Amino acid sequence: MNKASHVVKTIEKLSSKAGLRGKIDAKCCECIYDPYQKGSWRYQVEKCTSPTCPLFSSRAMSSKSKKREAKK
């Protein structure tokens, strides 16, 4: 499977989830996910450094990372 088809498959899977969470995850994945870089799409989205993005505060994050962000 090549990079493009892997990313498209991941985005389609995320966007098919009910509610906004899946759509937000899909958009973040589309924006930042690179399967050749370290970590899963969720890890890469969690490490996003684009605070001007309207979805930045809604991006997928583990509860541990949310606690760290709250302390900043």
Protein backbone atom coordinates (compact mmCIF):
# COMPACT_ATOMS: atom_id res chain seq x y z
CA MET A 1 0.00 0.00 0.00
CA ASN A 2 1.46 3.36 -0.95
CA LYS A 3 1.48 6.44 1.26
CA ALA A 4 -1.40 8.22 -0.45
CA SER A 5 -3.77 5.26 -0.33
CA HIS A 6 -2.91 4.57 3.32
CA VAL A 7 -3.65 8.17 4.29
CA VAL A 8 -6.88 8.22 2.25
CA LYS A 9 -8.02 4.97 3.86
CA THR A 10 -7.30 6.35 7.34
CA ILE A 11 -9.15 9.61 6.60
CA GLU A 12 -12.17 7.75 5.18
CA LYS A 13 -12.31 5.50 8.25
CA LEU A 14 -12.18 8.49 10.62
CA SER A 15 -14.70 10.61 8.72
CA SER A 16 -17.24 7.77 8.66
CA LYS A 17 -17.55 7.90 12.46
CA ALA A 18 -20.74 9.41 13.82
CA GLY A 19 -20.64 12.93 15.24
CA LEU A 20 -18.06 15.68 14.95
CA ARG A 21 -15.17 13.81 16.59
CA GLY A 22 -14.58 11.68 13.52
CA LYS A 23 -14.75 14.66 11.17
CA ILE A 24 -12.30 16.67 13.30
CA ASP A 25 -9.93 13.69 13.51
CA ALA A 26 -10.17 13.19 9.73
CA LYS A 27 -9.34 16.84 9.00
CA CYS A 28 -6.40 16.84 11.41
CA CYS A 29 -5.16 13.58 9.91
CA GLU A 30 -5.45 15.03 6.41
CA CYS A 31 -3.47 18.07 7.49
CA ILE A 32 -0.57 16.57 9.41
CA TYR A 33 -0.37 12.78 9.15
CA ASP A 34 2.66 11.33 7.38
CA PRO A 35 2.90 7.52 7.64
CA TYR A 36 6.66 7.72 7.01
CA GLN A 37 7.23 9.82 10.13
CA LYS A 38 7.40 8.64 13.73
CA GLY A 39 4.15 7.64 15.41
CA SER A 40 0.54 7.04 14.51
CA TRP A 41 -1.79 9.68 13.07
CA ARG A 42 -3.06 10.35 16.60
CA TYR A 43 0.49 10.88 17.95
CA GLN A 44 1.31 13.25 15.09
CA VAL A 45 -1.93 15.20 15.55
CA GLU A 46 -1.24 15.45 19.28
CA LYS A 47 2.15 17.01 18.47
CA CYS A 48 0.58 19.62 16.16
CA THR A 49 2.16 23.05 16.57
CA SER A 50 -0.37 25.18 14.71
CA PRO A 51 -2.25 27.13 17.40
CA THR A 52 -3.85 29.39 14.76
CA CYS A 53 -5.78 26.42 13.35
CA PRO A 54 -9.48 26.62 14.30
CA LEU A 55 -9.38 22.92 15.25
CA PHE A 56 -6.23 23.15 17.38
CA SER A 57 -8.05 23.10 20.72
CA SER A 58 -10.31 20.25 19.51
CA ARG A 59 -7.60 17.98 18.10
CA ALA A 60 -7.28 14.37 19.26
CA MET A 61 -5.25 14.11 22.46
CA SER A 62 -4.69 11.46 25.10
CA SER A 63 -5.95 12.29 28.59
CA LYS A 64 -2.32 12.42 29.79
CA SER A 65 -1.51 15.06 27.16
CA LYS A 66 -4.66 17.04 28.00
CA LYS A 67 -3.51 17.25 31.62
CA ARG A 68 -0.07 18.46 30.50
CA GLU A 69 -1.62 21.10 28.23
CA ALA A 70 -3.88 22.32 31.04
CA LYS A 71 -0.84 22.95 33.28
CA LYS A 72 0.77 25.29 30.72
